[in-house]
Protein backbone atom coordinates (compact mmCIF):
# COMPACT_ATOMS: atom_id res chain seq x y z
CA MET A 1 5.44 1.07 -15.49
CA ASN A 2 8.67 1.50 -13.56
CA VAL A 3 7.30 3.50 -10.60
CA THR A 4 10.85 4.71 -9.65
CA ASN A 5 11.57 6.25 -12.97
CA GLU A 6 10.20 9.86 -12.96
CA GLU A 7 10.15 10.32 -16.77
CA GLN A 8 8.37 6.96 -17.44
CA VAL A 9 5.75 7.65 -14.72
CA ASN A 10 5.01 11.19 -16.03
CA ASN A 11 4.86 9.74 -19.75
CA ASP A 12 2.46 6.97 -18.67
CA ILE A 13 0.21 9.38 -16.68
CA GLN A 14 0.16 11.59 -19.79
CA THR A 15 -0.92 8.83 -21.90
CA VAL A 16 -3.92 8.14 -19.77
CA ILE A 17 -4.76 11.80 -20.14
CA ASP A 18 -4.36 11.68 -23.88
CA ASN A 19 -6.53 8.64 -24.12
CA PHE A 20 -9.37 9.46 -21.56
CA GLY A 21 -9.00 13.23 -21.09
CA ARG A 22 -8.79 12.94 -17.23
CA ILE A 23 -7.62 10.86 -14.38
CA ASP A 24 -10.12 10.26 -11.63
CA ILE A 25 -8.49 7.54 -9.48
CA LEU A 26 -4.96 6.52 -8.66
CA VAL A 27 -4.25 3.22 -6.81
CA ALA A 28 -0.51 3.32 -5.75
CA ASN A 29 -0.04 -0.48 -5.24
CA ALA A 30 3.44 -1.16 -6.30
CA GLY A 31 5.56 -3.22 -3.69
CA TYR A 32 7.37 -6.33 -2.70
CA GLN A 33 8.63 -7.91 0.32
CA HIS A 34 12.14 -8.95 1.61
CA ILE A 35 12.32 -11.32 4.60
CA ALA A 36 15.48 -10.77 6.81
CA SER A 37 16.39 -9.59 10.21
CA VAL A 38 17.74 -5.96 10.56
CA GLU A 39 21.17 -7.39 11.22
CA GLU A 40 21.05 -9.31 7.96
CA LEU A 41 19.59 -6.75 5.66
CA THR A 42 21.92 -5.00 3.35
CA TYR A 43 21.66 -1.29 2.85
CA GLN A 44 20.85 -1.77 -0.76
CA GLN A 45 18.00 -4.07 -0.02
CA TRP A 46 16.71 -1.46 2.48
CA LYS A 47 16.95 1.28 -0.13
CA ASP A 48 15.45 -0.64 -2.90
CA LEU A 49 12.41 -1.57 -1.04
CA LEU A 50 11.90 1.86 0.40
CA SER A 51 12.23 3.24 -3.21
CA VAL A 52 9.57 0.96 -4.77
CA HIS A 53 6.94 1.63 -2.00
CA LEU A 54 7.78 5.28 -1.17
CA ASP A 55 9.29 6.88 -4.16
CA GLY A 56 6.85 4.97 -6.42
CA ALA A 57 3.89 6.29 -4.45
CA PHE A 58 5.37 9.85 -4.43
CA LEU A 59 6.09 9.81 -8.22
CA THR A 60 2.67 8.49 -9.24
CA THR A 61 0.86 10.81 -6.99
CA LYS A 62 2.81 13.85 -8.11
CA ALA A 63 2.12 13.01 -11.78
CA CYS A 64 -1.62 12.62 -11.20
CA LEU A 65 -2.14 15.75 -8.77
CA LYS A 66 -1.65 18.37 -11.47
CA HIS A 67 -4.48 16.81 -13.59
CA MET A 68 -6.67 16.15 -10.69
CA TYR A 69 -6.16 19.77 -9.34
CA LYS A 70 -7.06 21.09 -12.74
CA GLN A 71 -10.27 19.07 -12.95
CA LYS A 72 -11.00 19.76 -9.24
CA SER A 73 -11.60 16.20 -8.19
CA GLY A 74 -9.78 12.92 -7.71
CA SER A 75 -9.23 10.10 -5.36
CA ILE A 76 -5.73 8.58 -4.36
CA ILE A 77 -5.50 5.39 -2.64
CA TYR A 78 -2.44 3.97 -1.33
CA MET A 79 -1.92 0.25 -0.60
CA GLY A 80 -0.81 0.12 2.83
CA SER A 81 -0.77 -2.91 5.07
CA VAL A 82 -1.53 -3.94 8.63
CA HIS A 83 2.09 -3.14 8.84
CA SER A 84 1.10 0.40 8.36
CA LYS A 85 0.00 0.20 11.95
CA GLU A 86 2.14 -2.42 13.69
CA ALA A 87 5.45 -4.31 13.33
CA SER A 88 6.43 -7.89 12.58
CA LYS A 89 9.73 -9.48 12.80
CA LEU A 90 11.93 -9.72 9.62
CA LYS A 91 10.21 -6.96 7.85
CA ALA A 92 12.01 -3.66 8.81
CA PRO A 93 11.94 -1.81 5.35
CA TYR A 94 8.50 -3.03 4.58
CA VAL A 95 6.99 -1.94 7.97
CA THR A 96 8.95 1.36 7.65
CA ALA A 97 7.58 1.95 4.03
CA LYS A 98 3.96 1.09 4.95
CA HIS A 99 4.10 3.52 7.95
CA GLY A 100 5.45 6.17 5.48
CA LEU A 101 2.50 5.73 3.22
CA ILE A 102 0.19 6.86 6.02
CA GLY A 103 2.20 10.16 6.37
CA LEU A 104 2.27 10.74 2.65
CA CYS A 105 -1.46 10.12 2.62
CA GLU A 106 -2.28 12.52 5.33
CA VAL A 107 -0.21 15.37 3.57
CA VAL A 108 -1.81 14.75 0.24
CA ALA A 109 -5.33 14.77 1.97
CA LYS A 110 -4.55 18.14 3.47
CA GLU A 111 -2.99 19.72 0.39
CA GLY A 112 -5.65 18.30 -1.92
CA ALA A 113 -8.73 19.29 0.07
CA GLU A 114 -9.20 22.63 -1.64
CA TYR A 115 -9.24 20.89 -4.99
CA ASN A 116 -11.56 18.11 -3.81
CA VAL A 117 -8.91 15.53 -4.11
CA ARG A 118 -8.99 12.82 -1.47
CA ALA A 119 -6.30 10.52 -0.31
CA ASN A 120 -6.74 7.42 1.75
CA VAL A 121 -4.95 4.22 2.67
CA ILE A 122 -6.24 0.58 2.60
CA CYS A 123 -4.35 -1.59 5.11
CA PRO A 124 -4.86 -5.27 4.23
CA GLY A 125 -3.88 -8.15 6.43
CA TYR A 126 -2.52 -11.14 4.78
CA VAL A 127 -3.92 -11.78 1.29
CA LYS A 128 -3.03 -15.07 -0.27
CA THR A 129 -1.12 -13.61 -3.32
CA PRO A 130 2.20 -14.72 -4.81
CA LEU A 131 3.85 -12.15 -2.59
CA VAL A 132 2.45 -13.80 0.63
CA GLU A 133 2.94 -17.37 -0.58
CA LYS A 134 6.58 -16.56 -1.27
CA GLN A 135 7.09 -15.54 2.43
CA ILE A 136 5.65 -18.63 3.83
CA PRO A 137 8.86 -20.83 3.24
CA GLU A 138 11.03 -17.79 3.86
CA GLN A 139 9.56 -17.12 7.22
CA ALA A 140 9.64 -20.89 8.07
CA LYS A 141 13.47 -21.01 7.32
CA GLU A 142 13.98 -17.86 9.32
CA LEU A 143 12.05 -18.73 12.34
CA GLY A 144 12.76 -22.41 12.43
CA ILE A 145 9.20 -23.62 12.15
CA THR A 146 6.99 -25.40 9.63
CA GLU A 147 5.19 -23.61 6.75
CA ASP A 148 1.81 -24.64 8.39
CA GLU A 149 2.97 -23.00 11.71
CA VAL A 150 3.92 -19.81 9.78
CA VAL A 151 0.43 -19.58 8.36
CA LYS A 152 -1.49 -20.53 11.58
CA ASN A 153 0.77 -19.04 14.33
CA VAL A 154 2.34 -16.07 12.45
CA MET A 155 0.19 -14.92 9.66
CA LEU A 156 -3.28 -15.57 10.74
CA LYS A 157 -2.89 -15.99 14.65
CA ASP A 158 -4.43 -12.69 15.56
CA THR A 159 -7.43 -12.84 13.12
CA VAL A 160 -10.86 -13.55 14.43
CA ASP A 161 -11.41 -16.47 12.27
CA GLY A 162 -7.98 -17.77 10.96
CA GLN A 163 -8.72 -16.72 7.35
CA PHE A 164 -6.76 -14.83 4.76
CA SER A 165 -8.30 -11.68 3.37
CA THR A 166 -9.12 -11.97 -0.32
CA MET A 167 -8.49 -9.62 -3.27
CA LYS A 168 -12.23 -9.22 -3.55
CA ASP A 169 -12.23 -7.81 0.12
CA ILE A 170 -9.47 -5.36 -0.84
CA ALA A 171 -11.24 -4.29 -3.98
CA GLN A 172 -14.45 -3.45 -2.15
CA ALA A 173 -12.47 -1.21 0.18
CA ALA A 174 -10.97 0.50 -2.89
CA VAL A 175 -14.37 1.07 -4.35
CA VAL A 176 -15.65 2.73 -1.18
CA PHE A 177 -12.66 5.18 -1.21
CA ALA A 178 -12.75 5.81 -4.97
CA SER A 179 -16.45 6.45 -5.06
CA TRP A 180 -16.70 8.80 -2.14
CA GLU A 181 -17.36 12.32 -3.47
CA THR A 182 -16.49 14.60 -0.54
CA ASN A 183 -13.72 15.40 1.74
CA ALA A 184 -15.69 13.79 4.53
CA LEU A 185 -13.69 10.65 3.84
CA THR A 186 -10.08 11.64 3.35
CA GLY A 187 -6.73 11.18 5.23
CA GLN A 188 -7.94 7.93 6.56
CA SER A 189 -6.58 4.36 6.77
CA LEU A 190 -9.00 1.35 6.63
CA VAL A 191 -7.69 -1.94 7.93
CA VAL A 192 -9.07 -4.95 6.06
CA SER A 193 -7.66 -7.89 8.11
CA HIS A 194 -10.25 -10.25 9.54
CA GLY A 195 -9.73 -8.41 12.87
CA TRP A 196 -5.92 -8.93 13.07
CA PHE A 197 -5.58 -5.20 13.97
CA MET A 198 -8.45 -3.29 15.64
CA GLN A 199 -8.58 0.42 16.48
């Protein structure tokens, strides 16, 4: 699904409805990263990254809400980041977009409450995915340090145990949000980061 193409998003969500009769959970997880300082970023790089993260989340949310409102239930889960809470060098559009997802989530939580539609954000730390593995040499080059130093002194330096989070860790958080049945847990962000960020 091209999450920045409104017609395609609407058609794909309608296909889910046609096949299953309802839509109970949306996980808005589209995203990518671009490593560069603010002075080196092009405006197009800025716009493209914001579009995938924010326009994609908006369009998939909008397409699902009319069905969730009609069925009077639903759970929307946005994939944020520790960068939804704090900044890192070389990631201006990513940090901006991930902060924006919290704002979108909170509005959707308030608007969806009367329909028992909940919205929450998972904020992972570094998970060793292809997206993160690609960043290691990029950050090493930009920061003038070794790849091992990027992992130890940049990515994992503030964790309590020097460990990457796993996809299973993130999936368990998604199950909690998806399975919660009341508005008692809505408009929240849960950081899954081995203690990198603590509130």
